[in-house]
Amino acid sequence: MIRSKLSPLALALFCLSCASDDPGDLEARLAALETDVAANSAAVAAASDERAGLRGEVDTLTTAVDEATASVGGFDADIAANTAAVTANAEAITALDTRVGAAEGDVATLDAEVGTFTAAIDANTTAIDANATALSAATADIATNGTAIAANAADIATNAANIATNATSIGTNAAAITTNSGGITTNAGDIATNATAISGNSASIGTNATDIATNASGISTNATAIGTNATDVATNASGISTNATAISTNATDVATNASGISANATAISTNASGVATNASGISTNASDVATNASGVATNASDIADNVSDIVAIEGDLDNLEIWTTINHVSFISEQPHDVGFLPDRVLTFTKQSPSSQLFLTYHDNLRTNGNNTSCRWEIYINGERCLTPGAITSDIYVTSDNSHKVHEVAGFCETTASGTIPAGTTTITVMVGPTSSVNWPNQDCYTGWFGMTGHMTAQELP
């Protein structure tokens, strides 16, 4: 019998409800799936071996037919019945071949799906590695930009200190200029006063000759003061020139600082652009990671679907064991009963599925004797006749005959008066009695003859 044991694989793959994004986990599950596909292939091979065994049985039956033909040349009807049984078995083998071929096709499909999933996992792994590399490069860029921003901040702080120093110098120079301007104004006043005094003195020379000596002394004094004032003016002019140089130097420093500030602003803008670019790259990488995660989730869903397919195949293989099991009993006794169950025509077996139907056969030597008489042989299941699709019967009517001939009663059954035929112990029996017609009430029935071997079989079908 063929029974595939896929339950461990099904349990392992059903864990995909807690699916991991780790490609290693998926590869391990795919390896388990490939192992189970190999097990299914072995099961198919076993089915092929059993098919070969059934073909051997057909050969045996064929040999039996040949021997029966050689030993009983006159029993053409028996030979025809045996040939029909051989044909039925051959048809059963053909049906089994079809199922085995379908199972082999399922295995090939699973192999192809395993290859597809493996390629998808490889592609996802490559994409994840590329994203990790891009993330690493982006992180390095961010660190570099952080260092540059810190350096620019230090430069800005230095320039600010320089600007503050220059502002202080400019303030000091402005105060000095203000002081010098006051001195110049004072000197100018003194010069004007002296000029007025000289003018007054000059007027007094003509009138007061006596005062000339005195005025000359005053003139000398004034000349000395004028010299002193000239020295002060020269000193002030030098201070003004020095202040002008300092102001020019400060202006240069201010211009230099302004240039540095502009350069720093440009660098900050460039760094900001780089940070924005890196942020965009990180966002893109995050999107790629999300896409890859979605791909992994899709693969996990596909694998879960394959698990369902595998479980279905497992059920098919379990049913294959049921469908290829033929329960059989043989007998050689003669039964003269006209009515009732035949005591030696009983087949008991274990029905595997509560939803399967039965294919039943009854092969025996049957006879009806008399004039305008008939007998009916009917197959019963668990003491009840078949309701769906109908009763399984064989009627023999004769006008004047006493021939013992081989007959075959066969049919399908899904339900009896009790409903569907349950799983478990099942008993098949044969009832003999009158036909349903009231025109032939007096029957003389006989079952079996002259040591002939009869057979009953029962087979479960989906």
Protein backbone atom coordinates (compact mmCIF):
# COMPACT_ATOMS: atom_id res chain seq x y z
CA MET A 1 0.00 0.00 0.00
CA ILE A 2 1.10 3.62 -0.56
CA ARG A 3 0.93 6.15 2.30
CA SER A 4 2.97 9.37 2.10
CA LYS A 5 4.08 10.76 5.48
CA LEU A 6 4.25 14.55 4.86
CA SER A 7 2.98 15.65 8.31
CA PRO A 8 6.42 16.77 9.64
CA LEU A 9 6.94 18.96 6.56
CA ALA A 10 3.43 20.38 6.83
CA LEU A 11 4.01 21.25 10.51
CA ALA A 12 7.35 22.94 9.71
CA LEU A 13 6.00 25.05 6.83
CA PHE A 14 2.78 26.03 8.65
CA CYS A 15 5.07 28.04 11.01
CA LEU A 16 5.25 30.64 8.20
CA SER A 17 2.38 32.40 10.00
CA CYS A 18 5.26 33.82 12.13
CA ALA A 19 7.36 34.36 8.96
CA SER A 20 10.95 35.54 9.39
CA ASP A 21 12.72 37.83 6.91
CA ASP A 22 15.89 35.75 7.37
CA PRO A 23 16.68 34.08 3.98
CA GLY A 24 18.46 31.31 5.90
CA ASP A 25 15.15 30.26 7.51
CA LEU A 26 13.41 30.17 4.12
CA GLU A 27 16.23 28.13 2.60
CA ALA A 28 15.97 25.62 5.45
CA ARG A 29 12.25 25.29 4.84
CA LEU A 30 12.80 24.85 1.10
CA ALA A 31 15.38 22.16 1.85
CA ALA A 32 12.75 20.37 3.93
CA LEU A 33 10.26 20.75 1.05
CA GLU A 34 12.77 19.25 -1.40
CA THR A 35 13.31 16.32 1.00
CA ASP A 36 9.58 15.70 1.11
CA VAL A 37 9.31 15.92 -2.69
CA ALA A 38 11.94 13.16 -2.78
CA ALA A 39 9.77 11.17 -0.36
CA ASN A 40 6.76 11.68 -2.66
CA SER A 41 8.86 10.47 -5.59
CA ALA A 42 9.67 7.34 -3.58
CA ALA A 43 5.94 6.89 -2.90
CA VAL A 44 5.21 7.17 -6.62
CA ALA A 45 7.90 4.57 -7.28
CA ALA A 46 6.23 2.32 -4.72
CA ALA A 47 2.90 2.83 -6.50
CA SER A 48 4.59 1.85 -9.74
CA ASP A 49 5.85 -1.33 -8.05
CA GLU A 50 2.34 -2.13 -6.84
CA ARG A 51 1.04 -1.48 -10.35
CA ALA A 52 3.55 -4.04 -11.59
CA GLY A 53 2.19 -6.45 -8.96
CA LEU A 54 -1.37 -5.91 -10.18
CA ARG A 55 -0.20 -6.57 -13.71
CA GLY A 56 1.25 -9.82 -12.39
CA GLU A 57 -2.18 -10.69 -11.00
CA VAL A 58 -3.69 -9.96 -14.43
CA ASP A 59 -1.14 -12.33 -15.95
CA THR A 60 -2.14 -14.96 -13.36
CA LEU A 61 -5.82 -14.51 -14.19
CA THR A 62 -5.00 -14.72 -17.88
CA THR A 63 -3.17 -17.99 -17.24
CA ALA A 64 -6.18 -19.24 -15.27
CA VAL A 65 -8.44 -18.37 -18.20
CA ASP A 66 -6.15 -20.27 -20.57
CA GLU A 67 -6.13 -23.28 -18.25
CA ALA A 68 -9.93 -23.15 -17.89
CA THR A 69 -10.23 -22.99 -21.66
CA ALA A 70 -7.98 -26.04 -22.06
CA SER A 71 -9.71 -28.14 -19.36
CA VAL A 72 -13.35 -27.14 -19.91
CA GLY A 73 -13.79 -26.50 -23.57
CA GLY A 74 -17.55 -26.39 -23.33
CA PHE A 75 -17.79 -23.60 -20.73
CA ASP A 76 -17.63 -20.65 -23.11
CA ALA A 77 -19.75 -18.58 -20.78
CA ASP A 78 -17.32 -19.19 -17.90
CA ILE A 79 -14.41 -18.15 -20.07
CA ALA A 80 -16.26 -15.02 -21.15
CA ALA A 81 -16.97 -14.13 -17.51
CA ASN A 82 -13.34 -14.67 -16.52
CA THR A 83 -12.25 -12.59 -19.50
CA ALA A 84 -14.61 -9.82 -18.33
CA ALA A 85 -13.02 -9.99 -14.86
CA VAL A 86 -9.56 -9.70 -16.44
CA THR A 87 -10.79 -6.71 -18.47
CA ALA A 88 -12.20 -5.08 -15.33
CA ASN A 89 -8.88 -5.56 -13.54
CA ALA A 90 -7.02 -4.15 -16.55
CA GLU A 91 -9.30 -1.10 -16.47
CA ALA A 92 -8.60 -0.70 -12.75
CA ILE A 93 -4.87 -0.82 -13.51
CA THR A 94 -5.34 1.81 -16.24
CA ALA A 95 -7.14 4.06 -13.75
CA LEU A 96 -4.29 3.49 -11.28
CA ASP A 97 -1.77 4.40 -14.03
CA THR A 98 -3.67 7.65 -14.57
CA ARG A 99 -3.56 8.49 -10.84
CA VAL A 100 0.15 7.61 -10.60
CA GLY A 101 0.84 9.82 -13.64
CA ALA A 102 -1.08 12.68 -12.00
CA ALA A 103 0.94 12.21 -8.79
CA GLU A 104 4.19 12.27 -10.80
CA GLY A 105 3.02 15.49 -12.47
CA ASP A 106 2.32 17.02 -9.04
CA VAL A 107 5.84 16.09 -7.93
CA ALA A 108 7.31 17.73 -11.07
CA THR A 109 5.24 20.86 -10.41
CA LEU A 110 6.52 21.00 -6.84
CA ASP A 111 10.11 20.65 -8.12
CA ALA A 112 9.55 23.63 -10.45
CA GLU A 113 8.02 25.71 -7.66
CA VAL A 114 10.97 24.89 -5.38
CA GLY A 115 13.33 26.23 -8.08
CA THR A 116 11.23 29.40 -8.45
CA PHE A 117 11.19 30.04 -4.69
CA THR A 118 14.95 29.42 -4.44
CA ALA A 119 15.63 31.97 -7.21
CA ALA A 120 13.34 34.52 -5.53
CA ILE A 121 15.10 34.08 -2.19
CA ASP A 122 18.52 34.49 -3.88
CA ALA A 123 17.32 37.71 -5.55
CA ASN A 124 15.96 39.05 -2.25
CA THR A 125 19.21 38.20 -0.47
CA THR A 126 21.23 40.08 -3.14
CA ALA A 127 18.94 43.13 -2.85
CA ILE A 128 19.20 43.12 0.95
CA ASP A 129 23.03 42.95 0.74
CA ALA A 130 23.05 45.88 -1.73
CA ASN A 131 20.80 47.91 0.57
CA ALA A 132 23.05 47.15 3.55
CA THR A 133 26.07 48.41 1.55
CA ALA A 134 24.20 51.59 0.54
CA LEU A 135 23.14 52.18 4.15
CA SER A 136 26.75 51.77 5.30
CA ALA A 137 27.98 54.28 2.69
CA ALA A 138 25.22 56.74 3.63
CA THR A 139 26.15 56.41 7.32
CA ALA A 140 29.82 57.16 6.46
CA ASP A 141 28.72 60.23 4.45
CA ILE A 142 26.63 61.48 7.36
CA ALA A 143 29.62 61.07 9.73
CA THR A 144 31.87 63.00 7.27
CA ASN A 145 29.28 65.78 6.94
CA GLY A 146 28.98 65.95 10.74
CA THR A 147 32.76 66.49 11.02
CA ALA A 148 32.67 69.22 8.34
CA ILE A 149 29.72 70.95 10.06
CA ALA A 150 31.62 70.89 13.38
CA ALA A 151 34.71 72.41 11.66
CA ASN A 152 32.57 75.13 10.06
CA ALA A 153 30.98 75.90 13.41
CA ALA A 154 34.48 76.33 14.91
CA ASP A 155 35.43 78.67 12.01
CA ILE A 156 32.25 80.69 12.52
CA ALA A 157 33.01 81.03 16.25
CA THR A 158 36.59 82.21 15.45
CA ASN A 159 35.30 84.75 12.89
CA ALA A 160 32.75 86.04 15.37
CA ALA A 161 35.52 86.56 17.95
CA ASN A 162 37.60 88.42 15.30
CA ILE A 163 34.63 90.60 14.40
CA ALA A 164 34.10 91.44 18.09
CA THR A 165 37.81 92.34 18.44
CA ASN A 166 37.67 94.53 15.31
CA ALA A 167 34.56 96.25 16.58
CA THR A 168 36.37 97.05 19.85
CA SER A 169 39.38 98.44 17.88
CA ILE A 170 37.08 100.53 15.70
CA GLY A 171 35.41 101.91 18.84
CA THR A 172 38.82 102.77 20.36
CA ASN A 173 39.97 104.47 17.10
CA ALA A 174 36.74 106.45 16.90
CA ALA A 175 37.29 107.73 20.46
CA ALA A 176 40.88 108.72 19.57
CA ILE A 177 39.66 110.51 16.41
CA THR A 178 37.07 112.36 18.50
CA THR A 179 39.79 113.43 20.98
CA ASN A 180 42.13 114.59 18.16
CA SER A 181 39.29 116.48 16.51
CA GLY A 182 38.75 118.32 19.85
CA GLY A 183 42.49 119.20 20.03
CA ILE A 184 42.45 120.52 16.45
CA THR A 185 39.40 122.62 17.21
CA THR A 186 41.13 124.01 20.33
CA ASN A 187 44.30 124.79 18.34
CA ALA A 188 42.28 126.51 15.69
CA GLY A 189 40.67 128.68 18.37
CA ASP A 190 44.06 129.52 19.81
CA ILE A 191 45.35 130.43 16.33
CA ALA A 192 42.35 132.69 15.78
CA THR A 193 42.84 134.32 19.17
CA ASN A 194 46.54 134.83 18.42
CA ALA A 195 45.74 136.27 15.05
CA THR A 196 43.35 138.73 16.67
CA ALA A 197 45.98 139.61 19.23
CA ILE A 198 48.62 140.11 16.49
CA SER A 199 46.21 142.34 14.61
CA GLY A 200 45.63 144.37 17.78
CA ASN A 201 49.33 144.50 18.51
CA SER A 202 50.14 145.65 14.98
CA ALA A 203 47.62 148.51 15.33
CA SER A 204 49.17 149.49 18.66
CA ILE A 205 52.72 149.69 17.13
CA GLY A 206 51.92 152.79 15.13
CA THR A 207 50.38 154.64 18.05
CA ASN A 208 52.28 153.31 21.06
CA ALA A 209 55.98 153.20 20.14
CA THR A 210 56.61 152.80 23.77
CA ASP A 211 54.81 149.52 23.81
CA ILE A 212 56.84 148.07 20.85
CA ALA A 213 59.34 146.43 23.10
CA THR A 214 56.58 145.08 25.21
CA ASN A 215 54.67 143.90 22.14
CA ALA A 216 57.85 142.39 20.68
CA SER A 217 58.21 140.37 23.84
CA GLY A 218 54.52 139.33 23.47
CA ILE A 219 55.13 138.53 19.80
CA SER A 220 58.04 136.31 20.78
CA THR A 221 55.85 134.60 23.30
CA ASN A 222 53.09 134.20 20.73
CA ALA A 223 55.58 132.85 18.18
CA THR A 224 56.64 130.25 20.70
CA ALA A 225 52.96 129.34 21.28
CA ILE A 226 52.42 129.16 17.51
CA GLY A 227 55.40 126.80 17.23
CA THR A 228 53.98 124.69 20.01
CA ASN A 229 50.62 124.69 18.28
CA ALA A 230 52.24 123.68 14.98
CA THR A 231 53.93 120.78 16.76
CA ASP A 232 50.57 119.76 18.23
CA VAL A 233 48.98 119.96 14.77
CA ALA A 234 51.74 117.76 13.33
CA THR A 235 51.28 115.29 16.18
CA ASN A 236 47.55 115.28 15.62
CA ALA A 237 48.05 114.75 11.87
CA SER A 238 50.31 111.75 12.61
CA GLY A 239 47.67 110.32 14.99
CA ILE A 240 44.98 110.85 12.36
CA SER A 241 47.16 109.01 9.79
CA THR A 242 47.77 106.17 12.27
CA ASN A 243 44.05 105.97 12.97
CA ALA A 244 43.32 105.96 9.23
CA THR A 245 45.78 103.04 8.79
CA ALA A 246 44.16 101.16 11.68
CA ILE A 247 40.69 101.83 10.20
CA SER A 248 41.91 100.53 6.80
CA THR A 249 43.40 97.46 8.48
CA ASN A 250 40.16 96.90 10.36
CA ALA A 251 38.19 97.30 7.11
CA THR A 252 40.46 94.68 5.52
CA ASP A 253 39.90 92.34 8.47
CA VAL A 254 36.17 92.93 8.25
CA ALA A 255 36.24 92.15 4.51
CA THR A 256 38.32 89.04 5.18
CA ASN A 257 35.90 87.92 7.91
CA ALA A 258 32.96 88.61 5.61
CA SER A 259 34.61 86.46 2.93
CA GLY A 260 35.21 83.71 5.50
CA ILE A 261 31.61 83.94 6.66
CA SER A 262 30.42 83.71 3.03
CA ALA A 263 32.69 80.69 2.44
CA ASN A 264 31.39 79.07 5.62
CA ALA A 265 27.82 79.77 4.55
CA THR A 266 28.56 78.13 1.18
CA ALA A 267 30.13 75.10 2.93
CA ILE A 268 27.14 74.88 5.29
CA SER A 269 24.78 75.02 2.29
CA THR A 270 26.82 72.33 0.53
CA ASN A 271 26.77 70.18 3.66
CA ALA A 272 23.04 70.71 4.02
CA SER A 273 22.59 69.60 0.41
CA GLY A 274 24.74 66.52 1.13
CA VAL A 275 22.70 65.76 4.26
CA ALA A 276 19.49 66.11 2.21
CA THR A 277 20.93 63.82 -0.48
CA ASN A 278 21.94 61.28 2.18
CA ALA A 279 18.50 61.52 3.76
CA SER A 280 16.94 60.84 0.34
CA GLY A 281 19.30 57.87 -0.12
CA ILE A 282 18.37 56.52 3.33
CA SER A 283 14.68 56.94 2.48
CA THR A 284 15.22 55.13 -0.84
CA ASN A 285 17.09 52.33 0.95
CA ALA A 286 14.30 52.09 3.52
CA SER A 287 11.79 51.82 0.65
CA ASP A 288 13.93 49.08 -0.97
CA VAL A 289 14.11 47.22 2.35
CA ALA A 290 10.32 47.51 2.69
CA THR A 291 9.91 46.24 -0.89
CA ASN A 292 12.22 43.31 -0.16
CA ALA A 293 10.32 42.58 3.04
CA SER A 294 7.10 42.59 1.02
CA GLY A 295 8.74 40.18 -1.48
CA VAL A 296 9.78 37.88 1.35
CA ALA A 297 6.23 38.02 2.77
CA THR A 298 4.86 37.19 -0.71
CA ASN A 299 7.25 34.23 -0.94
CA ALA A 300 6.15 33.10 2.51
CA SER A 301 2.51 33.29 1.33
CA ASP A 302 3.37 31.28 -1.81
CA ILE A 303 5.13 28.66 0.33
CA ALA A 304 2.07 28.48 2.60
CA ASP A 305 -0.08 27.91 -0.51
CA ASN A 306 2.31 25.13 -1.54
CA VAL A 307 1.93 23.61 1.92
CA SER A 308 -1.82 23.44 1.29
CA ASP A 309 -1.15 21.77 -2.07
CA ILE A 310 1.22 19.30 -0.41
CA VAL A 311 -1.36 18.49 2.26
CA ALA A 312 -3.91 17.91 -0.51
CA ILE A 313 -1.43 15.61 -2.29
CA GLU A 314 -0.84 13.82 1.01
CA GLY A 315 -4.59 13.23 1.25
CA ASP A 316 -4.64 12.01 -2.36
CA LEU A 317 -1.81 9.57 -1.63
CA ASP A 318 -3.63 8.33 1.49
CA ASN A 319 -6.74 7.83 -0.62
CA LEU A 320 -4.62 6.08 -3.25
CA GLU A 321 -3.91 3.37 -0.67
CA ILE A 322 -7.65 3.03 -0.06
CA TRP A 323 -8.56 3.06 -3.75
CA THR A 324 -5.99 0.44 -4.72
CA THR A 325 -7.04 -1.97 -1.93
CA ILE A 326 -9.34 -4.73 -3.27
CA ASN A 327 -10.98 -6.83 -0.53
CA HIS A 328 -11.74 -10.38 -1.67
CA VAL A 329 -13.26 -13.66 -0.56
CA SER A 330 -13.76 -16.93 -2.51
CA PHE A 331 -16.02 -19.97 -1.98
CA ILE A 332 -16.93 -23.29 -3.64
CA SER A 333 -20.06 -24.47 -1.75
CA GLU A 334 -23.45 -25.15 -3.38
CA GLN A 335 -26.53 -23.47 -1.87
CA PRO A 336 -30.06 -24.75 -2.81
CA HIS A 337 -31.88 -21.89 -1.02
CA ASP A 338 -34.79 -20.24 -2.82
CA VAL A 339 -35.15 -17.34 -0.36
CA GLY A 340 -32.83 -15.67 2.11
CA PHE A 341 -29.18 -14.74 2.66
CA LEU A 342 -26.70 -17.28 1.28
CA PRO A 343 -24.67 -18.45 4.32
CA ASP A 344 -21.34 -18.93 2.52
CA ARG A 345 -21.40 -15.74 0.42
CA VAL A 346 -20.05 -13.24 2.99
CA LEU A 347 -17.22 -10.65 2.66
CA THR A 348 -16.16 -8.63 5.73
CA PHE A 349 -13.58 -5.81 5.56
CA THR A 350 -12.71 -2.46 7.16
CA LYS A 351 -13.98 0.59 5.24
CA GLN A 352 -11.42 3.42 5.57
CA SER A 353 -13.38 6.56 4.68
CA PRO A 354 -16.93 7.58 5.67
CA SER A 355 -17.38 9.50 2.40
CA SER A 356 -16.14 6.92 -0.12
CA GLN A 357 -18.39 4.78 -2.30
CA LEU A 358 -18.02 1.05 -2.90
CA PHE A 359 -17.55 -0.94 -6.08
CA LEU A 360 -18.84 -4.47 -5.43
CA THR A 361 -18.63 -7.63 -7.55
CA TYR A 362 -20.18 -11.09 -7.09
CA HIS A 363 -19.05 -13.90 -9.45
CA ASP A 364 -20.83 -17.27 -9.12
CA ASN A 365 -22.61 -20.15 -10.89
CA LEU A 366 -26.36 -19.41 -10.79
CA ARG A 367 -29.41 -21.40 -11.96
CA THR A 368 -33.19 -21.04 -12.21
CA ASN A 369 -35.18 -24.21 -12.93
CA GLY A 370 -38.73 -24.60 -14.20
CA ASN A 371 -41.19 -23.16 -16.67
CA ASN A 372 -41.88 -19.42 -16.53
CA THR A 373 -39.92 -18.99 -13.31
CA SER A 374 -37.34 -16.48 -12.19
CA CYS A 375 -34.88 -15.84 -9.35
CA ARG A 376 -33.07 -12.73 -8.20
CA TRP A 377 -29.61 -12.50 -6.57
CA GLU A 378 -28.93 -9.13 -4.84
CA ILE A 379 -25.88 -7.73 -3.04
CA TYR A 380 -26.54 -6.28 0.45
CA ILE A 381 -24.32 -3.93 2.51
CA ASN A 382 -24.50 -4.32 6.30
CA GLY A 383 -27.84 -6.16 5.88
CA GLU A 384 -29.39 -3.43 3.70
CA ARG A 385 -29.89 -3.07 -0.02
CA CYS A 386 -28.15 -0.26 -1.90
CA LEU A 387 -30.27 2.87 -2.47
CA THR A 388 -27.86 5.17 -4.32
CA PRO A 389 -27.43 4.82 -7.23
CA GLY A 390 -29.69 1.73 -6.98
CA ALA A 391 -30.01 -1.93 -6.05
CA ILE A 392 -27.23 -4.27 -7.26
CA THR A 393 -29.07 -7.29 -8.65
CA SER A 394 -29.09 -10.05 -11.29
CA ASP A 395 -32.36 -11.71 -12.44
CA ILE A 396 -32.60 -15.05 -14.30
CA TYR A 397 -35.82 -15.98 -16.07
CA VAL A 398 -36.41 -19.32 -17.84
CA THR A 399 -39.31 -20.86 -19.74
CA SER A 400 -38.05 -24.42 -19.64
CA ASP A 401 -34.44 -24.81 -18.66
CA ASN A 402 -32.11 -26.19 -16.04
CA SER A 403 -28.77 -24.72 -17.10
CA HIS A 404 -26.04 -23.91 -14.55
CA LYS A 405 -24.19 -20.84 -15.86
CA VAL A 406 -21.60 -18.37 -14.60
CA HIS A 407 -22.96 -14.91 -13.82
CA GLU A 408 -21.37 -11.66 -12.71
CA VAL A 409 -23.20 -9.18 -10.46
CA ALA A 410 -21.44 -5.81 -10.09
CA GLY A 411 -22.27 -2.23 -9.20
CA PHE A 412 -21.50 0.94 -7.26
CA CYS A 413 -23.09 1.91 -3.94
CA GLU A 414 -23.01 5.23 -2.03
CA THR A 415 -25.93 4.95 0.43
CA THR A 416 -28.28 2.41 2.00
CA ALA A 417 -31.47 2.92 4.01
CA SER A 418 -29.24 4.02 6.94
CA GLY A 419 -27.55 6.73 4.87
CA THR A 420 -23.92 6.92 3.73
CA ILE A 421 -21.91 3.80 4.41
CA PRO A 422 -19.81 4.58 7.52
CA ALA A 423 -16.11 3.82 8.00
CA GLY A 424 -15.30 0.69 9.99
CA THR A 425 -16.27 -2.97 9.80
CA THR A 426 -18.44 -3.55 6.70
CA THR A 427 -20.18 -6.81 5.73
CA ILE A 428 -21.22 -7.69 2.17
CA THR A 429 -23.77 -10.49 1.71
CA VAL A 430 -25.93 -11.99 -1.09
CA MET A 431 -29.73 -12.36 -0.86
CA VAL A 432 -31.62 -14.80 -3.14
CA GLY A 433 -35.37 -14.63 -3.73
CA PRO A 434 -38.13 -13.96 -6.20
CA THR A 435 -38.09 -11.12 -8.68
CA SER A 436 -40.38 -8.15 -8.21
CA SER A 437 -42.78 -9.40 -10.88
CA VAL A 438 -45.87 -11.29 -9.67
CA ASN A 439 -46.07 -13.20 -12.96
CA TRP A 440 -43.42 -15.74 -11.95
CA PRO A 441 -44.02 -16.49 -8.27
CA ASN A 442 -42.75 -20.07 -8.14
CA GLN A 443 -38.96 -20.00 -8.26
CA ASP A 444 -36.49 -22.87 -7.98
CA CYS A 445 -33.10 -21.24 -7.33
CA TYR A 446 -29.67 -22.87 -7.04
CA THR A 447 -26.32 -21.19 -6.26
CA GLY A 448 -22.91 -22.77 -6.99
CA TRP A 449 -22.25 -25.95 -8.85
CA PHE A 450 -19.81 -28.81 -9.17
CA GLY A 451 -17.00 -27.33 -7.06
CA MET A 452 -16.71 -24.10 -9.09
CA THR A 453 -14.89 -21.27 -7.21
CA GLY A 454 -16.93 -18.12 -6.79
CA HIS A 455 -15.63 -14.69 -5.77
CA MET A 456 -16.79 -11.51 -4.03
CA THR A 457 -14.77 -8.24 -4.04
CA ALA A 458 -15.19 -4.80 -2.51
CA GLN A 459 -13.17 -1.71 -3.43
CA GLU A 460 -13.37 1.84 -2.01
CA LEU A 461 -13.55 4.68 -4.52
CA PRO A 462 -13.55 8.45 -3.98
